[in-house]
């Protein structure tokens, strides 16, 4: 009888903890500027999603943070603890996951995560660069190969 009572108490405690698990609203954000500039992502036709342990690696659509913005966001109710996630998009028939390790965040309160660049790719600077080439032409000139 004592074992049955102990078992009931343990099951009740586990069920109570699970039913009272705290969820928090977490806003995930990704900047698609580089992907748009590369022609890999078309804001008019493609969708970017966040996938992670909180949605069983399914898709949660993200929307631009403002009209014409290249930053996309989604606010999701997630349980307290460590969540792992990545951003994903499909362009035509090409599916693109972020490369590298999963991102991780420890959820303990409502939060807005910082904006990150998709795949961590920074936009090329576009700054002009001077390049100087030098060629040692002494040997060909001695051999008169250039005069033939």
Protein backbone atom coordinates (compact mmCIF):
# COMPACT_ATOMS: atom_id res chain seq x y z
CA UNK A 1 0.00 0.00 0.00
CA UNK A 2 2.87 2.38 0.83
CA UNK A 3 4.46 1.64 -2.58
CA UNK A 4 1.18 2.39 -4.34
CA UNK A 5 0.80 5.64 -2.40
CA UNK A 6 4.39 6.64 -3.23
CA UNK A 7 3.87 5.79 -6.90
CA UNK A 8 0.66 7.84 -6.98
CA UNK A 9 2.45 10.78 -5.36
CA UNK A 10 5.30 10.66 -7.89
CA UNK A 11 2.91 10.45 -10.85
CA UNK A 12 0.85 13.32 -9.46
CA UNK A 13 3.97 15.45 -8.92
CA UNK A 14 5.24 14.82 -12.46
CA UNK A 15 1.82 15.61 -13.94
CA UNK A 16 1.54 18.79 -11.86
CA UNK A 17 5.01 20.01 -12.88
CA UNK A 18 4.29 19.27 -16.56
CA UNK A 19 0.95 21.08 -16.47
CA UNK A 20 2.49 24.11 -14.77
CA UNK A 21 5.55 24.37 -17.02
CA UNK A 22 6.07 28.01 -17.86
CA UNK A 23 5.97 29.13 -21.48
CA UNK A 24 7.43 32.42 -22.64
CA UNK A 25 7.07 34.47 -25.80
CA UNK A 26 10.36 34.54 -27.70
CA UNK A 27 10.80 36.64 -30.84
CA UNK A 28 13.28 35.20 -33.34
CA UNK A 29 14.74 37.62 -35.93
CA UNK A 30 16.79 37.12 -39.09
CA UNK A 31 18.16 39.61 -41.63
CA UNK A 32 17.79 38.39 -45.23
CA UNK A 33 19.63 41.35 -46.85
CA UNK A 34 22.55 39.30 -48.21
CA UNK A 35 20.34 36.49 -49.52
CA UNK A 36 18.15 39.05 -51.32
CA UNK A 37 21.21 40.79 -52.83
CA UNK A 38 22.56 37.42 -54.04
CA UNK A 39 19.22 36.60 -55.68
CA UNK A 40 18.85 33.53 -53.45
CA UNK A 41 15.73 34.88 -51.67
CA UNK A 42 12.83 36.74 -53.27
CA UNK A 43 10.69 38.52 -50.64
CA UNK A 44 7.72 38.58 -53.03
CA UNK A 45 7.70 34.82 -53.61
CA UNK A 46 9.70 33.06 -50.86
CA UNK A 47 9.16 32.45 -47.16
CA UNK A 48 11.73 32.29 -44.40
CA UNK A 49 10.94 30.12 -41.40
CA UNK A 50 12.40 29.32 -38.02
CA UNK A 51 12.72 25.65 -37.15
CA UNK A 52 13.74 24.22 -33.84
CA UNK A 53 13.26 21.99 -30.86
CA UNK A 54 10.21 24.07 -29.84
CA UNK A 55 8.27 23.10 -33.01
CA UNK A 56 9.81 19.65 -33.52
CA UNK A 57 11.92 21.13 -36.37
CA UNK A 58 8.75 21.95 -38.29
CA UNK A 59 8.24 25.36 -39.86
CA UNK A 60 7.05 28.58 -38.28
CA UNK A 61 6.65 31.32 -40.89
CA UNK A 62 8.35 34.64 -40.28
CA UNK A 63 7.13 38.00 -41.55
CA UNK A 64 8.94 41.28 -42.28
CA UNK A 65 9.20 43.50 -39.21
CA UNK A 66 7.92 46.45 -41.29
CA UNK A 67 6.80 47.05 -44.87
CA UNK A 68 9.80 46.62 -47.15
CA UNK A 69 12.03 45.44 -44.29
CA UNK A 70 14.59 42.73 -44.96
CA UNK A 71 14.45 41.68 -41.30
CA UNK A 72 11.96 38.89 -40.62
CA UNK A 73 10.55 37.93 -37.22
CA UNK A 74 8.29 35.42 -35.52
CA UNK A 75 7.11 35.39 -31.92
CA UNK A 76 6.59 31.91 -30.55
CA UNK A 77 5.44 30.60 -27.18
CA UNK A 78 8.21 28.25 -26.02
CA UNK A 79 8.78 26.38 -22.77
CA UNK A 80 11.46 27.42 -20.31
CA UNK A 81 14.83 25.78 -20.88
CA UNK A 82 17.26 25.45 -23.74
CA UNK A 83 15.83 25.70 -27.26
CA UNK A 84 17.82 24.94 -30.39
CA UNK A 85 16.91 26.46 -33.74
CA UNK A 86 17.95 27.43 -37.26
CA UNK A 87 16.52 29.58 -40.01
CA UNK A 88 15.42 28.07 -43.32
CA UNK A 89 14.03 29.25 -46.65
CA UNK A 90 12.85 27.76 -49.91
CA UNK A 91 13.53 29.59 -53.18
CA UNK A 92 11.82 27.83 -56.08
CA UNK A 93 12.87 24.21 -55.62
CA UNK A 94 16.03 25.05 -53.65
CA UNK A 95 15.78 24.50 -49.91
CA UNK A 96 18.36 26.31 -47.79
CA UNK A 97 19.15 25.61 -44.14
CA UNK A 98 21.67 27.68 -42.26
CA UNK A 99 24.96 25.80 -42.16
CA UNK A 100 26.93 25.06 -39.02
CA UNK A 101 25.75 24.13 -35.56
CA UNK A 102 22.25 24.79 -34.31
CA UNK A 103 21.77 28.09 -32.53
CA UNK A 104 20.81 27.73 -28.85
CA UNK A 105 19.03 30.01 -26.41
CA UNK A 106 18.09 29.48 -22.78
CA UNK A 107 14.51 30.63 -22.24
CA UNK A 108 13.70 31.98 -18.79
CA UNK A 109 11.50 35.00 -19.61
CA UNK A 110 9.80 36.72 -22.54
CA UNK A 111 12.55 37.82 -24.92
CA UNK A 112 13.35 39.35 -28.28
CA UNK A 113 16.51 37.78 -29.66
CA UNK A 114 18.99 40.00 -31.50
CA UNK A 115 18.77 40.24 -35.28
CA UNK A 116 21.22 37.85 -36.95
CA UNK A 117 22.28 37.62 -40.57
CA UNK A 118 21.04 34.47 -42.31
CA UNK A 119 23.91 31.97 -42.21
CA UNK A 120 26.07 34.69 -40.62
CA UNK A 121 26.90 36.08 -44.07
CA UNK A 122 27.86 39.75 -43.99
CA UNK A 123 27.19 42.00 -46.95
CA UNK A 124 30.34 42.66 -48.99
CA UNK A 125 31.58 46.16 -48.30
CA UNK A 126 31.47 47.27 -51.93
CA UNK A 127 34.43 49.56 -51.28
CA UNK A 128 36.82 50.19 -54.16
CA UNK A 129 40.25 48.66 -53.83
CA UNK A 130 43.42 49.58 -55.69
CA UNK A 131 45.31 46.60 -57.05
CA UNK A 132 48.86 46.86 -58.39
CA UNK A 133 50.37 44.15 -60.56
CA UNK A 134 54.12 43.85 -61.11
CA UNK A 135 55.89 41.66 -63.62
CA UNK A 136 59.63 41.10 -63.84
CA UNK A 137 60.30 41.40 -67.57
CA UNK A 138 64.11 41.39 -67.39
CA UNK A 139 64.57 37.80 -68.55
CA UNK A 140 62.18 37.98 -71.55
CA UNK A 141 63.80 41.26 -72.61
CA UNK A 142 67.27 39.70 -72.45
CA UNK A 143 66.05 36.80 -74.54
CA UNK A 144 64.29 39.19 -76.93
CA UNK A 145 61.23 36.91 -76.79
CA UNK A 146 58.97 39.91 -76.70
CA UNK A 147 60.35 41.34 -79.93
CA UNK A 148 59.55 38.33 -82.11
